[in-house]
Every structure is written in structure tokens, then in C-alpha cells.
């Protein structure tokens, strides 16, 4: 729902409730947003 390039990066925890970080990252990459394929997504996990 954000305007393109609102975010510079996403720090993504892998273990989260409802939707884990792996699924969230994959979903973001499949969005049609202008920056969905280029925004850096960084996994932060144990």
C-alpha cells in the first residue's frame, strides 16, 4: 500500500506469526509494485 520507493530496505525476521518471513519475502517479490523486485530484503534470524 506504500508509494513506490517509500522504503529503502526490509529487515525481515524469519519466524513471525500468521505469515513467516520467507513467505512474506516471496509475496513481496511477486507484487506489481515498481520497487518490489529491487528493494533489498535482509533476513534476520537465528
ModelCIF file with pLDDT and N, C-alpha, C, O atoms, coordinates in Angstrom:
data_MODEL
#
_entry.id   MODEL 
#
_entity.id                         1 
_entity.type                       polymer 
_entity.pdbx_number_of_molecules   1 
#
_entity_poly.entity_id                      1 
_entity_poly.type                           'polypeptide(L)' 
_entity_poly.nstd_linkage                   no 
_entity_poly.nstd_monomer                   no 
_entity_poly.pdbx_seq_one_letter_code       
;(UNK)(UNK)(UNK)(UNK)(UNK)(UNK)(UNK)(UNK)(UNK)(UNK)(UNK)(UNK)(UNK)(UNK)(UNK)(UNK)
(UNK)(UNK)(UNK)(UNK)(UNK)(UNK)(UNK)(UNK)(UNK)(UNK)(UNK)(UNK)(UNK)(UNK)(UNK)(UNK)
(UNK)(UNK)(UNK)(UNK)(UNK)(UNK)(UNK)(UNK)(UNK)(UNK)(UNK)(UNK)(UNK)(UNK)
;
_entity_poly.pdbx_seq_one_letter_code_can   XXXXXXXXXXXXXXXXXXXXXXXXXXXXXXXXXXXXXXXXXXXXXX 
_entity_poly.pdbx_strand_id                 A 
#
loop_
_entity_poly_seq.entity_id 
_entity_poly_seq.num 
_entity_poly_seq.mon_id 
_entity_poly_seq.hetero 
1 1  UNK n 
1 2  UNK n 
1 3  UNK n 
1 4  UNK n 
1 5  UNK n 
1 6  UNK n 
1 7  UNK n 
1 8  UNK n 
1 9  UNK n 
1 10 UNK n 
1 11 UNK n 
1 12 UNK n 
1 13 UNK n 
1 14 UNK n 
1 15 UNK n 
1 16 UNK n 
1 17 UNK n 
1 18 UNK n 
1 19 UNK n 
1 20 UNK n 
1 21 UNK n 
1 22 UNK n 
1 23 UNK n 
1 24 UNK n 
1 25 UNK n 
1 26 UNK n 
1 27 UNK n 
1 28 UNK n 
1 29 UNK n 
1 30 UNK n 
1 31 UNK n 
1 32 UNK n 
1 33 UNK n 
1 34 UNK n 
1 35 UNK n 
1 36 UNK n 
1 37 UNK n 
1 38 UNK n 
1 39 UNK n 
1 40 UNK n 
1 41 UNK n 
1 42 UNK n 
1 43 UNK n 
1 44 UNK n 
1 45 UNK n 
1 46 UNK n 
#
_struct_asym.id          A 
_struct_asym.entity_id   1 
#
loop_
_ma_qa_metric.id 
_ma_qa_metric.mode 
_ma_qa_metric.name 
_ma_qa_metric.software_group_id 
_ma_qa_metric.type 
1 global pLDDT . pLDDT 
2 local  pLDDT . pLDDT 
#
_ma_qa_metric_global.metric_id      1 
_ma_qa_metric_global.metric_value   95.02 
_ma_qa_metric_global.model_id       1 
_ma_qa_metric_global.ordinal_id     1 
#
loop_
_ma_qa_metric_local.label_asym_id 
_ma_qa_metric_local.label_comp_id 
_ma_qa_metric_local.label_seq_id 
_ma_qa_metric_local.metric_id 
_ma_qa_metric_local.metric_value 
_ma_qa_metric_local.model_id 
_ma_qa_metric_local.ordinal_id 
A UNK 1  2 97.00 1 1  
A UNK 2  2 96.00 1 2  
A UNK 3  2 95.00 1 3  
A UNK 4  2 93.00 1 4  
A UNK 5  2 93.00 1 5  
A UNK 6  2 96.00 1 6  
A UNK 7  2 96.00 1 7  
A UNK 8  2 94.00 1 8  
A UNK 9  2 95.00 1 9  
A UNK 10 2 97.00 1 10 
A UNK 11 2 96.00 1 11 
A UNK 12 2 96.00 1 12 
A UNK 13 2 94.00 1 13 
A UNK 14 2 92.00 1 14 
A UNK 15 2 91.00 1 15 
A UNK 16 2 90.00 1 16 
A UNK 17 2 89.00 1 17 
A UNK 18 2 92.00 1 18 
A UNK 19 2 96.00 1 19 
A UNK 20 2 96.00 1 20 
A UNK 21 2 96.00 1 21 
A UNK 22 2 97.00 1 22 
A UNK 23 2 97.00 1 23 
A UNK 24 2 98.00 1 24 
A UNK 25 2 98.00 1 25 
A UNK 26 2 98.00 1 26 
A UNK 27 2 98.00 1 27 
A UNK 28 2 98.00 1 28 
A UNK 29 2 98.00 1 29 
A UNK 30 2 97.00 1 30 
A UNK 31 2 97.00 1 31 
A UNK 32 2 95.00 1 32 
A UNK 33 2 95.00 1 33 
A UNK 34 2 95.00 1 34 
A UNK 35 2 95.00 1 35 
A UNK 36 2 97.00 1 36 
A UNK 37 2 95.00 1 37 
A UNK 38 2 94.00 1 38 
A UNK 39 2 95.00 1 39 
A UNK 40 2 95.00 1 40 
A UNK 41 2 97.00 1 41 
A UNK 42 2 96.00 1 42 
A UNK 43 2 95.00 1 43 
A UNK 44 2 93.00 1 44 
A UNK 45 2 89.00 1 45 
A UNK 46 2 89.00 1 46 
#
loop_
_atom_site.group_PDB 
_atom_site.id 
_atom_site.type_symbol 
_atom_site.label_atom_id 
_atom_site.label_alt_id 
_atom_site.label_comp_id 
_atom_site.label_asym_id 
_atom_site.label_entity_id 
_atom_site.label_seq_id 
_atom_site.pdbx_PDB_ins_code 
_atom_site.Cartn_x 
_atom_site.Cartn_y 
_atom_site.Cartn_z 
_atom_site.occupancy 
_atom_site.B_iso_or_equiv 
_atom_site.pdbx_formal_charge 
_atom_site.auth_seq_id 
_atom_site.auth_comp_id 
_atom_site.auth_asym_id 
_atom_site.auth_atom_id 
_atom_site.pdbx_PDB_model_num 
ATOM 1   N N  . UNK A 1 1  ? 0.813  -1.227  0.000  1.00 97.00 ? 1  UNK A N  1 
ATOM 2   C CA . UNK A 1 1  ? 0.000  0.000   0.000  1.00 97.00 ? 1  UNK A CA 1 
ATOM 3   C C  . UNK A 1 1  ? 0.846  1.277   0.000  1.00 97.00 ? 1  UNK A C  1 
ATOM 4   O O  . UNK A 1 1  ? 0.306  2.374   -0.139 1.00 97.00 ? 1  UNK A O  1 
ATOM 5   N N  . UNK A 1 2  ? 2.153  1.145   0.152  1.00 96.00 ? 2  UNK A N  1 
ATOM 6   C CA . UNK A 1 2  ? 3.033  2.319   0.188  1.00 96.00 ? 2  UNK A CA 1 
ATOM 7   C C  . UNK A 1 2  ? 3.317  2.827   -1.228 1.00 96.00 ? 2  UNK A C  1 
ATOM 8   O O  . UNK A 1 2  ? 3.269  2.074   -2.201 1.00 96.00 ? 2  UNK A O  1 
ATOM 9   N N  . UNK A 1 3  ? 3.609  4.102   -1.309 1.00 95.00 ? 3  UNK A N  1 
ATOM 10  C CA . UNK A 1 3  ? 4.069  4.669   -2.574 1.00 95.00 ? 3  UNK A CA 1 
ATOM 11  C C  . UNK A 1 3  ? 5.385  4.001   -2.953 1.00 95.00 ? 3  UNK A C  1 
ATOM 12  O O  . UNK A 1 3  ? 6.149  3.618   -2.066 1.00 95.00 ? 3  UNK A O  1 
ATOM 13  N N  . UNK A 1 4  ? 5.672  3.851   -4.245 1.00 93.00 ? 4  UNK A N  1 
ATOM 14  C CA . UNK A 1 4  ? 6.946  3.250   -4.644 1.00 93.00 ? 4  UNK A CA 1 
ATOM 15  C C  . UNK A 1 4  ? 8.131  3.989   -4.017 1.00 93.00 ? 4  UNK A C  1 
ATOM 16  O O  . UNK A 1 4  ? 8.147  5.217   -3.936 1.00 93.00 ? 4  UNK A O  1 
ATOM 17  N N  . UNK A 1 5  ? 9.097  3.229   -3.589 1.00 93.00 ? 5  UNK A N  1 
ATOM 18  C CA . UNK A 1 5  ? 10.345 3.716   -3.013 1.00 93.00 ? 5  UNK A CA 1 
ATOM 19  C C  . UNK A 1 5  ? 10.163 4.434   -1.675 1.00 93.00 ? 5  UNK A C  1 
ATOM 20  O O  . UNK A 1 5  ? 11.003 5.240   -1.275 1.00 93.00 ? 5  UNK A O  1 
ATOM 21  N N  . UNK A 1 6  ? 9.053  4.130   -0.984 1.00 96.00 ? 6  UNK A N  1 
ATOM 22  C CA . UNK A 1 6  ? 8.862  4.627   0.380  1.00 96.00 ? 6  UNK A CA 1 
ATOM 23  C C  . UNK A 1 6  ? 9.910  4.015   1.294  1.00 96.00 ? 6  UNK A C  1 
ATOM 24  O O  . UNK A 1 6  ? 10.462 4.688   2.164  1.00 96.00 ? 6  UNK A O  1 
ATOM 25  N N  . UNK A 1 7  ? 10.176 2.739   1.089  1.00 96.00 ? 7  UNK A N  1 
ATOM 26  C CA . UNK A 1 7  ? 11.115 2.009   1.927  1.00 96.00 ? 7  UNK A CA 1 
ATOM 27  C C  . UNK A 1 7  ? 12.443 1.829   1.199  1.00 96.00 ? 7  UNK A C  1 
ATOM 28  O O  . UNK A 1 7  ? 12.474 1.616   -0.013 1.00 96.00 ? 7  UNK A O  1 
ATOM 29  N N  . UNK A 1 8  ? 13.539 1.917   1.950  1.00 94.00 ? 8  UNK A N  1 
ATOM 30  C CA . UNK A 1 8  ? 14.869 1.711   1.389  1.00 94.00 ? 8  UNK A CA 1 
ATOM 31  C C  . UNK A 1 8  ? 15.308 0.262   1.491  1.00 94.00 ? 8  UNK A C  1 
ATOM 32  O O  . UNK A 1 8  ? 16.112 -0.204  0.684  1.00 94.00 ? 8  UNK A O  1 
ATOM 33  N N  . UNK A 1 9  ? 14.786 -0.450  2.475  1.00 95.00 ? 9  UNK A N  1 
ATOM 34  C CA . UNK A 1 9  ? 15.138 -1.854  2.699  1.00 95.00 ? 9  UNK A CA 1 
ATOM 35  C C  . UNK A 1 9  ? 14.114 -2.461  3.645  1.00 95.00 ? 9  UNK A C  1 
ATOM 36  O O  . UNK A 1 9  ? 13.388 -1.753  4.343  1.00 95.00 ? 9  UNK A O  1 
ATOM 37  N N  . UNK A 1 10 ? 14.075 -3.780  3.651  1.00 97.00 ? 10 UNK A N  1 
ATOM 38  C CA . UNK A 1 10 ? 13.211 -4.513  4.585  1.00 97.00 ? 10 UNK A CA 1 
ATOM 39  C C  . UNK A 1 10 ? 14.095 -5.458  5.383  1.00 97.00 ? 10 UNK A C  1 
ATOM 40  O O  . UNK A 1 10 ? 14.805 -6.292  4.821  1.00 97.00 ? 10 UNK A O  1 
ATOM 41  N N  . UNK A 1 11 ? 14.040 -5.315  6.703  1.00 96.00 ? 11 UNK A N  1 
ATOM 42  C CA . UNK A 1 11 ? 14.717 -6.253  7.602  1.00 96.00 ? 11 UNK A CA 1 
ATOM 43  C C  . UNK A 1 11 ? 13.660 -7.255  8.029  1.00 96.00 ? 11 UNK A C  1 
ATOM 44  O O  . UNK A 1 11 ? 12.714 -6.903  8.735  1.00 96.00 ? 11 UNK A O  1 
ATOM 45  N N  . UNK A 1 12 ? 13.814 -8.494  7.606  1.00 96.00 ? 12 UNK A N  1 
ATOM 46  C CA . UNK A 1 12 ? 12.749 -9.486  7.741  1.00 96.00 ? 12 UNK A CA 1 
ATOM 47  C C  . UNK A 1 12 ? 13.140 -10.592 8.710  1.00 96.00 ? 12 UNK A C  1 
ATOM 48  O O  . UNK A 1 12 ? 14.096 -11.333 8.480  1.00 96.00 ? 12 UNK A O  1 
ATOM 49  N N  . UNK A 1 13 ? 12.386 -10.689 9.795  1.00 94.00 ? 13 UNK A N  1 
ATOM 50  C CA . UNK A 1 13 ? 12.543 -11.833 10.692 1.00 94.00 ? 13 UNK A CA 1 
ATOM 51  C C  . UNK A 1 13 ? 11.962 -13.047 9.970  1.00 94.00 ? 13 UNK A C  1 
ATOM 52  O O  . UNK A 1 13 ? 10.979 -12.924 9.239  1.00 94.00 ? 13 UNK A O  1 
ATOM 53  N N  . UNK A 1 14 ? 12.552 -14.190 10.168 1.00 92.00 ? 14 UNK A N  1 
ATOM 54  C CA . UNK A 1 14 ? 12.057 -15.393 9.512  1.00 92.00 ? 14 UNK A CA 1 
ATOM 55  C C  . UNK A 1 14 ? 10.861 -15.979 10.263 1.00 92.00 ? 14 UNK A C  1 
ATOM 56  O O  . UNK A 1 14 ? 9.886  -16.405 9.645  1.00 92.00 ? 14 UNK A O  1 
ATOM 57  N N  . UNK A 1 15 ? 10.935 -15.999 11.565 1.00 91.00 ? 15 UNK A N  1 
ATOM 58  C CA . UNK A 1 15 ? 9.858  -16.596 12.368 1.00 91.00 ? 15 UNK A CA 1 
ATOM 59  C C  . UNK A 1 15 ? 8.931  -15.510 12.879 1.00 91.00 ? 15 UNK A C  1 
ATOM 60  O O  . UNK A 1 15 ? 9.272  -14.755 13.789 1.00 91.00 ? 15 UNK A O  1 
ATOM 61  N N  . UNK A 1 16 ? 7.750  -15.447 12.275 1.00 90.00 ? 16 UNK A N  1 
ATOM 62  C CA . UNK A 1 16 ? 6.718  -14.498 12.689 1.00 90.00 ? 16 UNK A CA 1 
ATOM 63  C C  . UNK A 1 16 ? 5.379  -15.224 12.655 1.00 90.00 ? 16 UNK A C  1 
ATOM 64  O O  . UNK A 1 16 ? 5.215  -16.211 11.939 1.00 90.00 ? 16 UNK A O  1 
ATOM 65  N N  . UNK A 1 17 ? 4.426  -14.724 13.436 1.00 89.00 ? 17 UNK A N  1 
ATOM 66  C CA . UNK A 1 17 ? 3.100  -15.344 13.415 1.00 89.00 ? 17 UNK A CA 1 
ATOM 67  C C  . UNK A 1 17 ? 2.357  -15.018 12.113 1.00 89.00 ? 17 UNK A C  1 
ATOM 68  O O  . UNK A 1 17 ? 2.724  -14.087 11.396 1.00 89.00 ? 17 UNK A O  1 
ATOM 69  N N  . UNK A 1 18 ? 1.344  -15.770 11.828 1.00 92.00 ? 18 UNK A N  1 
ATOM 70  C CA . UNK A 1 18 ? 0.448  -15.631 10.680 1.00 92.00 ? 18 UNK A CA 1 
ATOM 71  C C  . UNK A 1 18 ? 1.128  -15.886 9.343  1.00 92.00 ? 18 UNK A C  1 
ATOM 72  O O  . UNK A 1 18 ? 0.681  -16.750 8.589  1.00 92.00 ? 18 UNK A O  1 
ATOM 73  N N  . UNK A 1 19 ? 2.193  -15.162 9.031  1.00 96.00 ? 19 UNK A N  1 
ATOM 74  C CA . UNK A 1 19 ? 2.947  -15.388 7.804  1.00 96.00 ? 19 UNK A CA 1 
ATOM 75  C C  . UNK A 1 19 ? 4.431  -15.240 8.137  1.00 96.00 ? 19 UNK A C  1 
ATOM 76  O O  . UNK A 1 19 ? 4.865  -14.200 8.633  1.00 96.00 ? 19 UNK A O  1 
ATOM 77  N N  . UNK A 1 20 ? 5.200  -16.287 7.862  1.00 96.00 ? 20 UNK A N  1 
ATOM 78  C CA . UNK A 1 20 ? 6.626  -16.209 8.185  1.00 96.00 ? 20 UNK A CA 1 
ATOM 79  C C  . UNK A 1 20 ? 7.359  -15.298 7.197  1.00 96.00 ? 20 UNK A C  1 
ATOM 80  O O  . UNK A 1 20 ? 6.802  -14.890 6.177  1.00 96.00 ? 20 UNK A O  1 
ATOM 81  N N  . UNK A 1 21 ? 8.597  -14.992 7.515  1.00 96.00 ? 21 UNK A N  1 
ATOM 82  C CA . UNK A 1 21 ? 9.376  -14.074 6.706  1.00 96.00 ? 21 UNK A CA 1 
ATOM 83  C C  . UNK A 1 21 ? 9.694  -14.590 5.315  1.00 96.00 ? 21 UNK A C  1 
ATOM 84  O O  . UNK A 1 21 ? 9.785  -13.803 4.373  1.00 96.00 ? 21 UNK A O  1 
ATOM 85  N N  . UNK A 1 22 ? 9.864  -15.895 5.168  1.00 97.00 ? 22 UNK A N  1 
ATOM 86  C CA . UNK A 1 22 ? 10.127 -16.467 3.852  1.00 97.00 ? 22 UNK A CA 1 
ATOM 87  C C  . UNK A 1 22 ? 8.939  -16.250 2.926  1.00 97.00 ? 22 UNK A C  1 
ATOM 88  O O  . UNK A 1 22 ? 9.100  -15.837 1.777  1.00 97.00 ? 22 UNK A O  1 
ATOM 89  N N  . UNK A 1 23 ? 7.759  -16.529 3.431  1.00 97.00 ? 23 UNK A N  1 
ATOM 90  C CA . UNK A 1 23 ? 6.549  -16.343 2.635  1.00 97.00 ? 23 UNK A CA 1 
ATOM 91  C C  . UNK A 1 23 ? 6.316  -14.871 2.348  1.00 97.00 ? 23 UNK A C  1 
ATOM 92  O O  . UNK A 1 23 ? 5.942  -14.511 1.231  1.00 97.00 ? 23 UNK A O  1 
ATOM 93  N N  . UNK A 1 24 ? 6.532  -14.013 3.339  1.00 98.00 ? 24 UNK A N  1 
ATOM 94  C CA . UNK A 1 24 ? 6.355  -12.574 3.147  1.00 98.00 ? 24 UNK A CA 1 
ATOM 95  C C  . UNK A 1 24 ? 7.304  -12.047 2.076  1.00 98.00 ? 24 UNK A C  1 
ATOM 96  O O  . UNK A 1 24 ? 6.895  -11.268 1.216  1.00 98.00 ? 24 UNK A O  1 
ATOM 97  N N  . UNK A 1 25 ? 8.556  -12.462 2.120  1.00 98.00 ? 25 UNK A N  1 
ATOM 98  C CA . UNK A 1 25 ? 9.525  -12.015 1.111  1.00 98.00 ? 25 UNK A CA 1 
ATOM 99  C C  . UNK A 1 25 ? 9.112  -12.475 -0.281 1.00 98.00 ? 25 UNK A C  1 
ATOM 100 O O  . UNK A 1 25 ? 9.149  -11.694 -1.232 1.00 98.00 ? 25 UNK A O  1 
ATOM 101 N N  . UNK A 1 26 ? 8.723  -13.722 -0.403 1.00 98.00 ? 26 UNK A N  1 
ATOM 102 C CA . UNK A 1 26 ? 8.284  -14.240 -1.703 1.00 98.00 ? 26 UNK A CA 1 
ATOM 103 C C  . UNK A 1 26 ? 7.068  -13.480 -2.206 1.00 98.00 ? 26 UNK A C  1 
ATOM 104 O O  . UNK A 1 26 ? 6.976  -13.166 -3.392 1.00 98.00 ? 26 UNK A O  1 
ATOM 105 N N  . UNK A 1 27 ? 6.132  -13.181 -1.307 1.00 98.00 ? 27 UNK A N  1 
ATOM 106 C CA . UNK A 1 27 ? 4.943  -12.425 -1.708 1.00 98.00 ? 27 UNK A CA 1 
ATOM 107 C C  . UNK A 1 27 ? 5.309  -11.015 -2.169 1.00 98.00 ? 27 UNK A C  1 
ATOM 108 O O  . UNK A 1 27 ? 4.761  -10.523 -3.155 1.00 98.00 ? 27 UNK A O  1 
ATOM 109 N N  . UNK A 1 28 ? 6.220  -10.372 -1.468 1.00 98.00 ? 28 UNK A N  1 
ATOM 110 C CA . UNK A 1 28 ? 6.654  -9.030  -1.872 1.00 98.00 ? 28 UNK A CA 1 
ATOM 111 C C  . UNK A 1 28 ? 7.286  -9.080  -3.256 1.00 98.00 ? 28 UNK A C  1 
ATOM 112 O O  . UNK A 1 28 ? 6.999  -8.229  -4.098 1.00 98.00 ? 28 UNK A O  1 
ATOM 113 N N  . UNK A 1 29 ? 8.130  -10.052 -3.497 1.00 98.00 ? 29 UNK A N  1 
ATOM 114 C CA . UNK A 1 29 ? 8.792  -10.169 -4.801 1.00 98.00 ? 29 UNK A CA 1 
ATOM 115 C C  . UNK A 1 29 ? 7.800  -10.383 -5.945 1.00 98.00 ? 29 UNK A C  1 
ATOM 116 O O  . UNK A 1 29 ? 8.104  -10.065 -7.095 1.00 98.00 ? 29 UNK A O  1 
ATOM 117 N N  . UNK A 1 30 ? 6.612  -10.921 -5.638 1.00 97.00 ? 30 UNK A N  1 
ATOM 118 C CA . UNK A 1 30 ? 5.611  -11.171 -6.680 1.00 97.00 ? 30 UNK A CA 1 
ATOM 119 C C  . UNK A 1 30 ? 4.601  -10.040 -6.832 1.00 97.00 ? 30 UNK A C  1 
ATOM 120 O O  . UNK A 1 30 ? 3.700  -10.131 -7.666 1.00 97.00 ? 30 UNK A O  1 
ATOM 121 N N  . UNK A 1 31 ? 4.734  -8.985  -6.047 1.00 97.00 ? 31 UNK A N  1 
ATOM 122 C CA . UNK A 1 31 ? 3.832  -7.843  -6.185 1.00 97.00 ? 31 UNK A CA 1 
ATOM 123 C C  . UNK A 1 31 ? 4.160  -7.065  -7.461 1.00 97.00 ? 31 UNK A C  1 
ATOM 124 O O  . UNK A 1 31 ? 5.259  -7.174  -8.004 1.00 97.00 ? 31 UNK A O  1 
ATOM 125 N N  . UNK A 1 32 ? 3.216  -6.300  -7.914 1.00 95.00 ? 32 UNK A N  1 
ATOM 126 C CA . UNK A 1 32 ? 3.441  -5.489  -9.120 1.00 95.00 ? 32 UNK A CA 1 
ATOM 127 C C  . UNK A 1 32 ? 4.015  -4.112  -8.803 1.00 95.00 ? 32 UNK A C  1 
ATOM 128 O O  . UNK A 1 32 ? 4.222  -3.308  -9.711 1.00 95.00 ? 32 UNK A O  1 
ATOM 129 N N  . UNK A 1 33 ? 4.272  -3.834  -7.543 1.00 95.00 ? 33 UNK A N  1 
ATOM 130 C CA . UNK A 1 33 ? 4.852  -2.543  -7.158 1.00 95.00 ? 33 UNK A CA 1 
ATOM 131 C C  . UNK A 1 33 ? 6.154  -2.315  -7.925 1.00 95.00 ? 33 UNK A C  1 
ATOM 132 O O  . UNK A 1 33 ? 6.909  -3.250  -8.191 1.00 95.00 ? 33 UNK A O  1 
ATOM 133 N N  . UNK A 1 34 ? 6.393  -1.068  -8.268 1.00 95.00 ? 34 UNK A N  1 
ATOM 134 C CA . UNK A 1 34 ? 7.561  -0.704  -9.062 1.00 95.00 ? 34 UNK A CA 1 
ATOM 135 C C  . UNK A 1 34 ? 8.870  -1.147  -8.424 1.00 95.00 ? 34 UNK A C  1 
ATOM 136 O O  . UNK A 1 34 ? 9.815  -1.499  -9.130 1.00 95.00 ? 34 UNK A O  1 
ATOM 137 N N  . UNK A 1 35 ? 8.933  -1.134  -7.090 1.00 95.00 ? 35 UNK A N  1 
ATOM 138 C CA . UNK A 1 35 ? 10.173 -1.459  -6.388 1.00 95.00 ? 35 UNK A CA 1 
ATOM 139 C C  . UNK A 1 35 ? 10.183 -2.855  -5.759 1.00 95.00 ? 35 UNK A C  1 
ATOM 140 O O  . UNK A 1 35 ? 11.114 -3.195  -5.029 1.00 95.00 ? 35 UNK A O  1 
ATOM 141 N N  . UNK A 1 36 ? 9.162  -3.662  -6.034 1.00 97.00 ? 36 UNK A N  1 
ATOM 142 C CA . UNK A 1 36 ? 9.054  -4.980  -5.391 1.00 97.00 ? 36 UNK A CA 1 
ATOM 143 C C  . UNK A 1 36 ? 10.201 -5.919  -5.753 1.00 97.00 ? 36 UNK A C  1 
ATOM 144 O O  . UNK A 1 36 ? 10.599 -6.750  -4.937 1.00 97.00 ? 36 UNK A O  1 
ATOM 145 N N  . UNK A 1 37 ? 10.720 -5.800  -6.936 1.00 95.00 ? 37 UNK A N  1 
ATOM 146 C CA . UNK A 1 37 ? 11.791 -6.717  -7.340 1.00 95.00 ? 37 UNK A CA 1 
ATOM 147 C C  . UNK A 1 37 ? 13.181 -6.217  -6.961 1.00 95.00 ? 37 UNK A C  1 
ATOM 148 O O  . UNK A 1 37 ? 14.153 -6.967  -7.044 1.00 95.00 ? 37 UNK A O  1 
ATOM 149 N N  . UNK A 1 38 ? 13.281 -4.950  -6.546 1.00 94.00 ? 38 UNK A N  1 
ATOM 150 C CA . UNK A 1 38 ? 14.603 -4.382  -6.287 1.00 94.00 ? 38 UNK A CA 1 
ATOM 151 C C  . UNK A 1 38 ? 14.878 -4.010  -4.839 1.00 94.00 ? 38 UNK A C  1 
ATOM 152 O O  . UNK A 1 38 ? 16.038 -3.856  -4.457 1.00 94.00 ? 38 UNK A O  1 
ATOM 153 N N  . UNK A 1 39 ? 13.841 -3.862  -4.026 1.00 95.00 ? 39 UNK A N  1 
ATOM 154 C CA . UNK A 1 39 ? 14.086 -3.468  -2.635 1.00 95.00 ? 39 UNK A CA 1 
ATOM 155 C C  . UNK A 1 39 ? 14.917 -4.533  -1.939 1.00 95.00 ? 39 UNK A C  1 
ATOM 156 O O  . UNK A 1 39 ? 14.591 -5.717  -2.023 1.00 95.00 ? 39 UNK A O  1 
ATOM 157 N N  . UNK A 1 40 ? 15.982 -4.139  -1.254 1.00 95.00 ? 40 UNK A N  1 
ATOM 158 C CA . UNK A 1 40 ? 16.756 -5.134  -0.513 1.00 95.00 ? 40 UNK A CA 1 
ATOM 159 C C  . UNK A 1 40 ? 15.928 -5.721  0.646  1.00 95.00 ? 40 UNK A C  1 
ATOM 160 O O  . UNK A 1 40 ? 15.391 -4.983  1.473  1.00 95.00 ? 40 UNK A O  1 
ATOM 161 N N  . UNK A 1 41 ? 15.838 -7.032  0.688  1.00 97.00 ? 41 UNK A N  1 
ATOM 162 C CA . UNK A 1 41 ? 15.186 -7.734  1.792  1.00 97.00 ? 41 UNK A CA 1 
ATOM 163 C C  . UNK A 1 41 ? 16.261 -8.554  2.487  1.00 97.00 ? 41 UNK A C  1 
ATOM 164 O O  . UNK A 1 41 ? 16.894 -9.415  1.875  1.00 97.00 ? 41 UNK A O  1 
ATOM 165 N N  . UNK A 1 42 ? 16.460 -8.282  3.762  1.00 96.00 ? 42 UNK A N  1 
ATOM 166 C CA . UNK A 1 42 ? 17.530 -8.912  4.520  1.00 96.00 ? 42 UNK A CA 1 
ATOM 167 C C  . UNK A 1 42 ? 16.932 -9.776  5.626  1.00 96.00 ? 42 UNK A C  1 
ATOM 168 O O  . UNK A 1 42 ? 16.210 -9.286  6.494  1.00 96.00 ? 42 UNK A O  1 
ATOM 169 N N  . UNK A 1 43 ? 17.242 -11.056 5.579  1.00 95.00 ? 43 UNK A N  1 
ATOM 170 C CA . UNK A 1 43 ? 16.782 -11.987 6.606  1.00 95.00 ? 43 UNK A CA 1 
ATOM 171 C C  . UNK A 1 43 ? 17.561 -11.744 7.890  1.00 95.00 ? 43 UNK A C  1 
ATOM 172 O O  . UNK A 1 43 ? 18.783 -11.598 7.874  1.00 95.00 ? 43 UNK A O  1 
ATOM 173 N N  . UNK A 1 44 ? 16.842 -11.703 8.991  1.00 93.00 ? 44 UNK A N  1 
ATOM 174 C CA . UNK A 1 44 ? 17.450 -11.578 10.320 1.00 93.00 ? 44 UNK A CA 1 
ATOM 175 C C  . UNK A 1 44 ? 16.903 -12.730 11.146 1.00 93.00 ? 44 UNK A C  1 
ATOM 176 O O  . UNK A 1 44 ? 15.722 -12.750 11.492 1.00 93.00 ? 44 UNK A O  1 
ATOM 177 N N  . UNK A 1 45 ? 17.771 -13.695 11.463 1.00 89.00 ? 45 UNK A N  1 
ATOM 178 C CA . UNK A 1 45 ? 17.281 -14.929 12.063 1.00 89.00 ? 45 UNK A CA 1 
ATOM 179 C C  . UNK A 1 45 ? 18.366 -15.668 12.835 1.00 89.00 ? 45 UNK A C  1 
ATOM 180 O O  . UNK A 1 45 ? 19.560 -15.479 12.599 1.00 89.00 ? 45 UNK A O  1 
ATOM 181 N N  . UNK A 1 46 ? 17.934 -16.496 13.742 1.00 89.00 ? 46 UNK A N  1 
ATOM 182 C CA . UNK A 1 46 ? 18.859 -17.390 14.442 1.00 89.00 ? 46 UNK A CA 1 
ATOM 183 C C  . UNK A 1 46 ? 19.100 -18.655 13.627 1.00 89.00 ? 46 UNK A C  1 
ATOM 184 O O  . UNK A 1 46 ? 19.853 -19.531 14.054 1.00 89.00 ? 46 UNK A O  1 
#
